[in-house]
Structures are given as structure tokens and as C-alpha cells.
Full PDB file with SEQRES, HELIX, SHEET, SSBOND, CRYST1, ORIGX, SCALE, CONECT and MASTER records, all heavy atoms in Angstrom:
SEQRES   1 A   36  ARG VAL ALA GLU LEU ALA ASP THR LEU GLU THR LEU ARG          
SEQRES   2 A   36  PRO HIS MET PRO GLU ASP MET PHE SER VAL LEU THR SER          
SEQRES   3 A   36  ALA LYS ILE THR THR LEU HIS VAL ARG ALA                      
HELIX    1 AA1 VAL A    2  LEU A   12  1                                  11    
HELIX    2 AA2 ARG A   13  HIS A   15  5                                   3    
HELIX    3 AA3 GLU A   18  ARG A   35  1                                  18    
CRYST1    1.000    1.000    1.000  90.00  90.00  90.00 P 1           1          
ORIGX1      1.000000  0.000000  0.000000        0.00000                         
ORIGX2      0.000000  1.000000  0.000000        0.00000                         
ORIGX3      0.000000  0.000000  1.000000        0.00000                         
SCALE1      1.000000  0.000000  0.000000        0.00000                         
SCALE2      0.000000  1.000000  0.000000        0.00000                         
SCALE3      0.000000  0.000000  1.000000        0.00000                         
ATOM      1  N   ARG A   1       9.626   2.034  16.138  1.00  0.00           N  
ATOM      2  CA  ARG A   1       8.912   2.781  15.283  1.00  0.00           C  
ATOM      3  C   ARG A   1       8.743   2.387  13.980  1.00  0.00           C  
ATOM      4  O   ARG A   1       7.548   2.385  13.302  1.00  0.00           O  
ATOM      5  CB  ARG A   1       9.426   4.347  15.267  1.00  0.00           C  
ATOM      6  CG  ARG A   1       9.743   4.854  16.597  1.00  0.00           C  
ATOM      7  CD  ARG A   1       8.420   5.457  17.156  1.00  0.00           C  
ATOM      8  NE  ARG A   1       8.638   6.226  18.367  1.00  0.00           N  
ATOM      9  CZ  ARG A   1       7.839   6.957  18.965  1.00  0.00           C  
ATOM     10  NH1 ARG A   1       6.577   7.190  18.531  1.00  0.00           N  
ATOM     11  NH2 ARG A   1       8.094   7.665  20.123  1.00  0.00           N  
ATOM     12  N   VAL A   2       9.734   1.700  13.413  1.00  0.00           N  
ATOM     13  CA  VAL A   2       9.640   1.169  12.066  1.00  0.00           C  
ATOM     14  C   VAL A   2       8.743  -0.045  12.184  1.00  0.00           C  
ATOM     15  O   VAL A   2       7.760  -0.191  11.162  1.00  0.00           O  
ATOM     16  CB  VAL A   2      11.045   0.612  11.569  1.00  0.00           C  
ATOM     17  CG1 VAL A   2      10.977  -0.070  10.286  1.00  0.00           C  
ATOM     18  CG2 VAL A   2      12.070   1.850  11.483  1.00  0.00           C  
ATOM     19  N   ALA A   3       8.743  -0.955  13.068  1.00  0.00           N  
ATOM     20  CA  ALA A   3       7.964  -1.988  13.225  1.00  0.00           C  
ATOM     21  C   ALA A   3       6.425  -1.657  13.357  1.00  0.00           C  
ATOM     22  O   ALA A   3       5.476  -2.269  12.856  1.00  0.00           O  
ATOM     23  CB  ALA A   3       8.280  -2.947  14.374  1.00  0.00           C  
ATOM     24  N   GLU A   4       6.241  -0.648  14.061  1.00  0.00           N  
ATOM     25  CA  GLU A   4       4.847  -0.016  14.234  1.00  0.00           C  
ATOM     26  C   GLU A   4       4.272   0.489  13.012  1.00  0.00           C  
ATOM     27  O   GLU A   4       3.105   0.309  12.718  1.00  0.00           O  
ATOM     28  CB  GLU A   4       4.902   1.130  15.346  1.00  0.00           C  
ATOM     29  CG  GLU A   4       3.625   1.692  15.644  1.00  0.00           C  
ATOM     30  CD  GLU A   4       3.719   2.794  16.699  1.00  0.00           C  
ATOM     31  OE1 GLU A   4       4.627   3.722  16.596  1.00  0.00           O  
ATOM     32  OE2 GLU A   4       2.911   2.743  17.631  1.00  0.00           O  
ATOM     33  N   LEU A   5       5.204   1.182  12.289  1.00  0.00           N  
ATOM     34  CA  LEU A   5       4.699   1.647  10.997  1.00  0.00           C  
ATOM     35  C   LEU A   5       4.394   0.485   9.969  1.00  0.00           C  
ATOM     36  O   LEU A   5       3.443   0.529   9.365  1.00  0.00           O  
ATOM     37  CB  LEU A   5       5.791   2.526  10.298  1.00  0.00           C  
ATOM     38  CG  LEU A   5       5.447   3.182   8.868  1.00  0.00           C  
ATOM     39  CD1 LEU A   5       4.164   3.825   8.929  1.00  0.00           C  
ATOM     40  CD2 LEU A   5       6.646   3.926   8.465  1.00  0.00           C  
ATOM     41  N   ALA A   6       5.234  -0.409  10.050  1.00  0.00           N  
ATOM     42  CA  ALA A   6       5.058  -1.618   9.094  1.00  0.00           C  
ATOM     43  C   ALA A   6       3.716  -2.338   9.427  1.00  0.00           C  
ATOM     44  O   ALA A   6       2.863  -2.634   8.525  1.00  0.00           O  
ATOM     45  CB  ALA A   6       6.137  -2.551   9.285  1.00  0.00           C  
ATOM     46  N   ASP A   7       3.448  -2.388  10.691  1.00  0.00           N  
ATOM     47  CA  ASP A   7       2.030  -2.939  11.139  1.00  0.00           C  
ATOM     48  C   ASP A   7       0.889  -2.251  10.617  1.00  0.00           C  
ATOM     49  O   ASP A   7      -0.099  -2.748  10.129  1.00  0.00           O  
ATOM     50  CB  ASP A   7       2.120  -3.235  12.602  1.00  0.00           C  
ATOM     51  CG  ASP A   7       2.980  -4.386  13.142  1.00  0.00           C  
ATOM     52  OD1 ASP A   7       3.419  -5.078  12.339  1.00  0.00           O  
ATOM     53  OD2 ASP A   7       3.306  -4.355  14.405  1.00  0.00           O  
ATOM     54  N   THR A   8       1.066  -0.949  10.947  1.00  0.00           N  
ATOM     55  CA  THR A   8      -0.157  -0.018  10.489  1.00  0.00           C  
ATOM     56  C   THR A   8      -0.187  -0.153   8.893  1.00  0.00           C  
ATOM     57  O   THR A   8      -1.381  -0.212   8.522  1.00  0.00           O  
ATOM     58  CB  THR A   8       0.250   1.449  10.835  1.00  0.00           C  
ATOM     59  OG1 THR A   8       0.508   1.493  12.224  1.00  0.00           O  
ATOM     60  CG2 THR A   8      -0.760   2.474  10.227  1.00  0.00           C  
ATOM     61  N   LEU A   9       0.873   0.039   8.122  1.00  0.00           N  
ATOM     62  CA  LEU A   9       0.629  -0.139   6.721  1.00  0.00           C  
ATOM     63  C   LEU A   9       0.078  -1.485   6.222  1.00  0.00           C  
ATOM     64  O   LEU A   9      -0.691  -1.496   5.303  1.00  0.00           O  
ATOM     65  CB  LEU A   9       2.093   0.088   5.998  1.00  0.00           C  
ATOM     66  CG  LEU A   9       2.612   1.456   6.247  1.00  0.00           C  
ATOM     67  CD1 LEU A   9       4.015   1.635   5.636  1.00  0.00           C  
ATOM     68  CD2 LEU A   9       1.706   2.496   5.434  1.00  0.00           C  
ATOM     69  N   GLU A  10       0.569  -2.517   6.836  1.00  0.00           N  
ATOM     70  CA  GLU A  10      -0.066  -3.820   6.464  1.00  0.00           C  
ATOM     71  C   GLU A  10      -1.458  -3.911   6.772  1.00  0.00           C  
ATOM     72  O   GLU A  10      -2.301  -4.611   5.967  1.00  0.00           O  
ATOM     73  CB  GLU A  10       0.661  -4.990   7.086  1.00  0.00           C  
ATOM     74  CG  GLU A  10       2.024  -5.262   6.567  1.00  0.00           C  
ATOM     75  CD  GLU A  10       1.914  -5.591   5.008  1.00  0.00           C  
ATOM     76  OE1 GLU A  10       1.109  -6.352   4.629  1.00  0.00           O  
ATOM     77  OE2 GLU A  10       2.733  -4.918   4.260  1.00  0.00           O  
ATOM     78  N   THR A  11      -2.030  -3.364   7.812  1.00  0.00           N  
ATOM     79  CA  THR A  11      -3.477  -3.184   8.120  1.00  0.00           C  
ATOM     80  C   THR A  11      -4.200  -2.401   7.105  1.00  0.00           C  
ATOM     81  O   THR A  11      -5.352  -2.781   6.717  1.00  0.00           O  
ATOM     82  CB  THR A  11      -3.629  -2.501   9.513  1.00  0.00           C  
ATOM     83  OG1 THR A  11      -2.891  -3.263  10.472  1.00  0.00           O  
ATOM     84  CG2 THR A  11      -5.093  -2.406   9.949  1.00  0.00           C  
ATOM     85  N   LEU A  12      -3.511  -1.348   6.547  1.00  0.00           N  
ATOM     86  CA  LEU A  12      -4.174  -0.560   5.522  1.00  0.00           C  
ATOM     87  C   LEU A  12      -4.109  -1.093   4.123  1.00  0.00           C  
ATOM     88  O   LEU A  12      -5.024  -0.829   3.402  1.00  0.00           O  
ATOM     89  CB  LEU A  12      -3.513   0.810   5.618  1.00  0.00           C  
ATOM     90  CG  LEU A  12      -3.769   1.725   6.826  1.00  0.00           C  
ATOM     91  CD1 LEU A  12      -2.835   2.899   6.734  1.00  0.00           C  
ATOM     92  CD2 LEU A  12      -5.268   2.074   6.953  1.00  0.00           C  
ATOM     93  N   ARG A  13      -3.120  -2.016   3.798  1.00  0.00           N  
ATOM     94  CA  ARG A  13      -2.875  -2.405   2.471  1.00  0.00           C  
ATOM     95  C   ARG A  13      -4.133  -3.034   1.784  1.00  0.00           C  
ATOM     96  O   ARG A  13      -4.478  -2.718   0.701  1.00  0.00           O  
ATOM     97  CB  ARG A  13      -1.796  -3.437   2.455  1.00  0.00           C  
ATOM     98  CG  ARG A  13      -1.422  -3.981   1.014  1.00  0.00           C  
ATOM     99  CD  ARG A  13      -0.505  -5.150   1.099  1.00  0.00           C  
ATOM    100  NE  ARG A  13       0.876  -4.590   1.541  1.00  0.00           N  
ATOM    101  CZ  ARG A  13       1.700  -4.234   0.532  1.00  0.00           C  
ATOM    102  NH1 ARG A  13       1.383  -4.187  -0.743  1.00  0.00           N  
ATOM    103  NH2 ARG A  13       2.875  -3.878   0.991  1.00  0.00           N  
ATOM    104  N   PRO A  14      -4.884  -3.856   2.418  1.00  0.00           N  
ATOM    105  CA  PRO A  14      -6.080  -4.442   1.704  1.00  0.00           C  
ATOM    106  C   PRO A  14      -7.272  -3.415   1.291  1.00  0.00           C  
ATOM    107  O   PRO A  14      -8.048  -3.804   0.551  1.00  0.00           O  
ATOM    108  CB  PRO A  14      -6.553  -5.632   2.675  1.00  0.00           C  
ATOM    109  CG  PRO A  14      -5.780  -5.565   3.864  1.00  0.00           C  
ATOM    110  CD  PRO A  14      -4.704  -4.383   3.786  1.00  0.00           C  
ATOM    111  N   HIS A  15      -7.170  -2.274   2.005  1.00  0.00           N  
ATOM    112  CA  HIS A  15      -8.250  -1.387   1.784  1.00  0.00           C  
ATOM    113  C   HIS A  15      -7.881  -0.163   0.831  1.00  0.00           C  
ATOM    114  O   HIS A  15      -8.699   0.661   0.728  1.00  0.00           O  
ATOM    115  CB  HIS A  15      -8.622  -0.710   3.236  1.00  0.00           C  
ATOM    116  CG  HIS A  15      -8.703  -1.853   4.160  1.00  0.00           C  
ATOM    117  ND1 HIS A  15     -10.020  -2.646   4.190  1.00  0.00           N  
ATOM    118  CD2 HIS A  15      -8.118  -2.253   5.262  1.00  0.00           C  
ATOM    119  CE1 HIS A  15     -10.079  -3.366   5.161  1.00  0.00           C  
ATOM    120  NE2 HIS A  15      -8.909  -3.301   5.812  1.00  0.00           N  
ATOM    121  N   MET A  16      -6.780  -0.307   0.210  1.00  0.00           N  
ATOM    122  CA  MET A  16      -6.382   0.800  -0.698  1.00  0.00           C  
ATOM    123  C   MET A  16      -5.939   0.278  -1.918  1.00  0.00           C  
ATOM    124  O   MET A  16      -5.219  -0.796  -2.145  1.00  0.00           O  
ATOM    125  CB  MET A  16      -5.092   1.595  -0.003  1.00  0.00           C  
ATOM    126  CG  MET A  16      -5.397   2.159   1.341  1.00  0.00           C  
ATOM    127  SD  MET A  16      -3.987   3.020   1.957  1.00  0.00           S  
ATOM    128  CE  MET A  16      -4.237   4.589   1.268  1.00  0.00           C  
ATOM    129  N   PRO A  17      -6.007   1.049  -3.081  1.00  0.00           N  
ATOM    130  CA  PRO A  17      -5.448   0.647  -4.386  1.00  0.00           C  
ATOM    131  C   PRO A  17      -3.979   0.686  -4.237  1.00  0.00           C  
ATOM    132  O   PRO A  17      -3.456   1.443  -3.405  1.00  0.00           O  
ATOM    133  CB  PRO A  17      -5.965   1.701  -5.238  1.00  0.00           C  
ATOM    134  CG  PRO A  17      -6.992   2.455  -4.592  1.00  0.00           C  
ATOM    135  CD  PRO A  17      -6.877   2.218  -3.130  1.00  0.00           C  
ATOM    136  N   GLU A  18      -3.200  -0.054  -4.947  1.00  0.00           N  
ATOM    137  CA  GLU A  18      -1.813  -0.241  -4.908  1.00  0.00           C  
ATOM    138  C   GLU A  18      -1.062   0.981  -5.036  1.00  0.00           C  
ATOM    139  O   GLU A  18      -0.105   1.425  -4.382  1.00  0.00           O  
ATOM    140  CB  GLU A  18      -1.306  -1.293  -5.919  1.00  0.00           C  
ATOM    141  CG  GLU A  18       0.157  -1.699  -5.653  1.00  0.00           C  
ATOM    142  CD  GLU A  18       0.436  -2.220  -4.159  1.00  0.00           C  
ATOM    143  OE1 GLU A  18      -0.391  -2.931  -3.669  1.00  0.00           O  
ATOM    144  OE2 GLU A  18       1.589  -1.863  -3.733  1.00  0.00           O  
ATOM    145  N   ASP A  19      -1.500   1.967  -6.070  1.00  0.00           N  
ATOM    146  CA  ASP A  19      -0.784   3.170  -6.383  1.00  0.00           C  
ATOM    147  C   ASP A  19      -0.932   4.034  -5.100  1.00  0.00           C  
ATOM    148  O   ASP A  19       0.071   4.803  -4.851  1.00  0.00           O  
ATOM    149  CB  ASP A  19      -1.248   3.785  -7.542  1.00  0.00           C  
ATOM    150  CG  ASP A  19      -2.701   4.143  -7.675  1.00  0.00           C  
ATOM    151  OD1 ASP A  19      -3.528   3.405  -6.945  1.00  0.00           O  
ATOM    152  OD2 ASP A  19      -3.166   4.967  -8.458  1.00  0.00           O  
ATOM    153  N   MET A  20      -2.112   4.149  -4.516  1.00  0.00           N  
ATOM    154  CA  MET A  20      -2.304   5.003  -3.398  1.00  0.00           C  
ATOM    155  C   MET A  20      -1.514   4.412  -2.124  1.00  0.00           C  
ATOM    156  O   MET A  20      -0.942   5.281  -1.452  1.00  0.00           O  
ATOM    157  CB  MET A  20      -3.816   5.015  -3.047  1.00  0.00           C  
ATOM    158  CG  MET A  20      -4.128   6.071  -1.834  1.00  0.00           C  
ATOM    159  SD  MET A  20      -5.955   6.046  -1.427  1.00  0.00           S  
ATOM    160  CE  MET A  20      -6.549   6.564  -2.902  1.00  0.00           C  
ATOM    161  N   PHE A  21      -1.510   3.275  -2.038  1.00  0.00           N  
ATOM    162  CA  PHE A  21      -0.735   2.569  -0.888  1.00  0.00           C  
ATOM    163  C   PHE A  21       0.695   2.962  -1.108  1.00  0.00           C  
ATOM    164  O   PHE A  21       1.335   3.287  -0.040  1.00  0.00           O  
ATOM    165  CB  PHE A  21      -0.968   1.122  -0.753  1.00  0.00           C  
ATOM    166  CG  PHE A  21      -0.293   0.374   0.166  1.00  0.00           C  
ATOM    167  CD1 PHE A  21      -0.704   0.516   1.559  1.00  0.00           C  
ATOM    168  CD2 PHE A  21       0.978  -0.291  -0.022  1.00  0.00           C  
ATOM    169  CE1 PHE A  21       0.065  -0.159   2.535  1.00  0.00           C  
ATOM    170  CE2 PHE A  21       1.682  -0.923   0.931  1.00  0.00           C  
ATOM    171  CZ  PHE A  21       1.165  -0.882   2.316  1.00  0.00           C  
ATOM    172  N   SER A  22       1.253   2.842  -2.257  1.00  0.00           N  
ATOM    173  CA  SER A  22       2.596   3.199  -2.465  1.00  0.00           C  
ATOM    174  C   SER A  22       3.045   4.654  -2.094  1.00  0.00           C  
ATOM    175  O   SER A  22       3.957   4.807  -1.521  1.00  0.00           O  
ATOM    176  CB  SER A  22       3.012   2.846  -3.978  1.00  0.00           C  
ATOM    177  OG  SER A  22       4.296   3.313  -4.236  1.00  0.00           O  
ATOM    178  N   VAL A  23       2.134   5.502  -2.489  1.00  0.00           N  
ATOM    179  CA  VAL A  23       2.375   6.939  -2.189  1.00  0.00           C  
ATOM    180  C   VAL A  23       2.345   7.087  -0.648  1.00  0.00           C  
ATOM    181  O   VAL A  23       3.172   7.891  -0.015  1.00  0.00           O  
ATOM    182  CB  VAL A  23       1.290   7.886  -2.924  1.00  0.00           C  
ATOM    183  CG1 VAL A  23       1.380   9.320  -2.385  1.00  0.00           C  
ATOM    184  CG2 VAL A  23       1.515   7.799  -4.373  1.00  0.00           C  
ATOM    185  N   LEU A  24       1.299   6.592  -0.051  1.00  0.00           N  
ATOM    186  CA  LEU A  24       1.160   6.656   1.480  1.00  0.00           C  
ATOM    187  C   LEU A  24       2.369   6.022   2.247  1.00  0.00           C  
ATOM    188  O   LEU A  24       2.965   6.589   3.061  1.00  0.00           O  
ATOM    189  CB  LEU A  24      -0.028   5.901   1.870  1.00  0.00           C  
ATOM    190  CG  LEU A  24      -0.191   5.917   3.492  1.00  0.00           C  
ATOM    191  CD1 LEU A  24      -0.537   7.281   4.036  1.00  0.00           C  
ATOM    192  CD2 LEU A  24      -1.399   4.868   3.865  1.00  0.00           C  
ATOM    193  N   THR A  25       2.890   4.913   1.701  1.00  0.00           N  
ATOM    194  CA  THR A  25       4.001   4.304   2.252  1.00  0.00           C  
ATOM    195  C   THR A  25       5.292   5.126   2.142  1.00  0.00           C  
ATOM    196  O   THR A  25       6.021   5.422   3.149  1.00  0.00           O  
ATOM    197  CB  THR A  25       4.238   2.898   1.571  1.00  0.00           C  
ATOM    198  OG1 THR A  25       3.150   2.037   1.790  1.00  0.00           O  
ATOM    199  CG2 THR A  25       5.583   2.330   2.144  1.00  0.00           C  
ATOM    200  N   SER A  26       5.492   5.697   1.071  1.00  0.00           N  
ATOM    201  CA  SER A  26       6.642   6.717   0.760  1.00  0.00           C  
ATOM    202  C   SER A  26       6.551   7.978   1.697  1.00  0.00           C  
ATOM    203  O   SER A  26       7.477   8.184   2.356  1.00  0.00           O  
ATOM    204  CB  SER A  26       6.670   6.998  -0.612  1.00  0.00           C  
ATOM    205  OG  SER A  26       7.726   7.882  -0.813  1.00  0.00           O  
ATOM    206  N   ALA A  27       5.410   8.457   1.802  1.00  0.00           N  
ATOM    207  CA  ALA A  27       5.172   9.514   2.651  1.00  0.00           C  
ATOM    208  C   ALA A  27       5.387   9.347   4.231  1.00  0.00           C  
ATOM    209  O   ALA A  27       6.092  10.103   4.959  1.00  0.00           O  
ATOM    210  CB  ALA A  27       3.839  10.171   2.505  1.00  0.00           C  
ATOM    211  N   LYS A  28       4.853   8.218   4.578  1.00  0.00           N  
ATOM    212  CA  LYS A  28       5.047   7.722   5.952  1.00  0.00           C  
ATOM    213  C   LYS A  28       6.530   7.433   6.336  1.00  0.00           C  
ATOM    214  O   LYS A  28       6.986   7.852   7.385  1.00  0.00           O  
ATOM    215  CB  LYS A  28       4.164   6.510   6.256  1.00  0.00           C  
ATOM    216  CG  LYS A  28       2.722   6.807   6.266  1.00  0.00           C  
ATOM    217  CD  LYS A  28       2.317   7.566   7.478  1.00  0.00           C  
ATOM    218  CE  LYS A  28       0.872   7.636   7.678  1.00  0.00           C  
ATOM    219  NZ  LYS A  28       0.482   8.354   8.900  1.00  0.00           N  
ATOM    220  N   ILE A  29       7.280   6.733   5.451  1.00  0.00           N  
ATOM    221  CA  ILE A  29       8.626   6.444   5.734  1.00  0.00           C  
ATOM    222  C   ILE A  29       9.454   7.757   5.739  1.00  0.00           C  
ATOM    223  O   ILE A  29      10.266   7.909   6.614  1.00  0.00           O  
ATOM    224  CB  ILE A  29       9.213   5.501   4.593  1.00  0.00           C  
ATOM    225  CG1 ILE A  29       8.548   4.093   4.766  1.00  0.00           C  
ATOM    226  CG2 ILE A  29      10.738   5.504   4.601  1.00  0.00           C  
ATOM    227  CD1 ILE A  29       8.811   3.172   3.599  1.00  0.00           C  
ATOM    228  N   THR A  30       9.271   8.752   4.855  1.00  0.00           N  
ATOM    229  CA  THR A  30       9.848   9.996   4.848  1.00  0.00           C  
ATOM    230  C   THR A  30       9.585  10.719   6.157  1.00  0.00           C  
ATOM    231  O   THR A  30      10.479  11.285   6.761  1.00  0.00           O  
ATOM    232  CB  THR A  30       9.397  10.867   3.682  1.00  0.00           C  
ATOM    233  OG1 THR A  30       9.889  10.229   2.514  1.00  0.00           O  
ATOM    234  CG2 THR A  30       9.984  12.344   3.749  1.00  0.00           C  
ATOM    235  N   THR A  31       8.398  10.792   6.632  1.00  0.00           N  
ATOM    236  CA  THR A  31       7.940  11.393   7.808  1.00  0.00           C  
ATOM    237  C   THR A  31       8.662  10.684   8.961  1.00  0.00           C  
ATOM    238  O   THR A  31       9.154  11.474   9.914  1.00  0.00           O  
ATOM    239  CB  THR A  31       6.500  11.313   8.030  1.00  0.00           C  
ATOM    240  OG1 THR A  31       5.883  12.080   6.969  1.00  0.00           O  
ATOM    241  CG2 THR A  31       6.070  12.096   9.325  1.00  0.00           C  
ATOM    242  N   LEU A  32       8.772   9.487   9.005  1.00  0.00           N  
ATOM    243  CA  LEU A  32       9.532   8.768  10.138  1.00  0.00           C  
ATOM    244  C   LEU A  32      10.966   9.104  10.126  1.00  0.00           C  
ATOM    245  O   LEU A  32      11.458   9.374  11.292  1.00  0.00           O  
ATOM    246  CB  LEU A  32       9.345   7.302   9.947  1.00  0.00           C  
ATOM    247  CG  LEU A  32       9.746   6.344  11.127  1.00  0.00           C  
ATOM    248  CD1 LEU A  32       8.888   6.757  12.383  1.00  0.00           C  
ATOM    249  CD2 LEU A  32       9.494   4.858  10.685  1.00  0.00           C  
ATOM    250  N   HIS A  33      11.606   9.270   8.896  1.00  0.00           N  
ATOM    251  CA  HIS A  33      13.034   9.585   9.049  1.00  0.00           C  
ATOM    252  C   HIS A  33      13.181  11.109   9.481  1.00  0.00           C  
ATOM    253  O   HIS A  33      14.162  11.378  10.324  1.00  0.00           O  
ATOM    254  CB  HIS A  33      13.656   9.566   7.611  1.00  0.00           C  
ATOM    255  CG  HIS A  33      14.036   8.198   7.310  1.00  0.00           C  
ATOM    256  ND1 HIS A  33      15.308   7.736   7.535  1.00  0.00           N  
ATOM    257  CD2 HIS A  33      13.412   7.148   6.679  1.00  0.00           C  
ATOM    258  CE1 HIS A  33      15.408   6.496   7.216  1.00  0.00           C  
ATOM    259  NE2 HIS A  33      14.325   5.985   6.576  1.00  0.00           N  
ATOM    260  N   VAL A  34      12.290  11.998   9.091  1.00  0.00           N  
ATOM    261  CA  VAL A  34      12.442  13.403   9.499  1.00  0.00           C  
ATOM    262  C   VAL A  34      12.165  13.571  10.980  1.00  0.00           C  
ATOM    263  O   VAL A  34      12.815  14.323  11.647  1.00  0.00           O  
ATOM    264  CB  VAL A  34      11.463  14.290   8.669  1.00  0.00           C  
ATOM    265  CG1 VAL A  34      11.401  15.698   9.234  1.00  0.00           C  
ATOM    266  CG2 VAL A  34      11.865  14.248   7.201  1.00  0.00           C  
ATOM    267  N   ARG A  35      11.306  12.757  11.576  1.00  0.00           N  
ATOM    268  CA  ARG A  35      10.973  12.722  12.902  1.00  0.00           C  
ATOM    269  C   ARG A  35      12.204  12.358  13.740  1.00  0.00           C  
ATOM    270  O   ARG A  35      12.580  12.916  14.656  1.00  0.00           O  
ATOM    271  CB  ARG A  35       9.810  11.919  13.251  1.00  0.00           C  
ATOM    272  CG  ARG A  35       8.410  12.444  12.999  1.00  0.00           C  
ATOM    273  CD  ARG A  35       7.314  11.557  13.416  1.00  0.00           C  
ATOM    274  NE  ARG A  35       6.118  12.277  13.255  1.00  0.00           N  
ATOM    275  CZ  ARG A  35       4.934  11.746  13.597  1.00  0.00           C  
ATOM    276  NH1 ARG A  35       4.876  10.409  13.965  1.00  0.00           N  
ATOM    277  NH2 ARG A  35       3.873  12.424  13.491  1.00  0.00           N  
ATOM    278  N   ALA A  36      12.854  11.403  13.219  1.00  0.00           N  
ATOM    279  CA  ALA A  36      13.979  10.794  13.949  1.00  0.00           C  
ATOM    280  C   ALA A  36      15.106  11.812  13.802  1.00  0.00           C  
ATOM    281  O   ALA A  36      15.893  12.067  14.811  1.00  0.00           O  
ATOM    282  CB  ALA A  36      14.471   9.575  13.295  1.00  0.00           C  
TER     283      ALA A  36                                                      
MASTER        0    0    0    3    0    0    0    6  282    1    0    3          
END                                                                             
């Protein structure tokens, strides 16, 4: 699941401003932990 999230985030990275990408990354990591 972590690898899948990393792949998804890397796909999105070039299409987002860095500050927005940082917020999205943090939210996705938190969600992944809560799901686990």
C-alpha cells in the first residue's frame, strides 16, 4: 500500500505546486495509517 501511494504521488508531483503537493502527501499518509 505504501509503494502504491508513493507511485501515485510521484505521478501527481509534476502537476501540482509544491505547497499543495506537500499538503496532499501529508493527508494521504495520515489516511493510509488510519486505514491500517
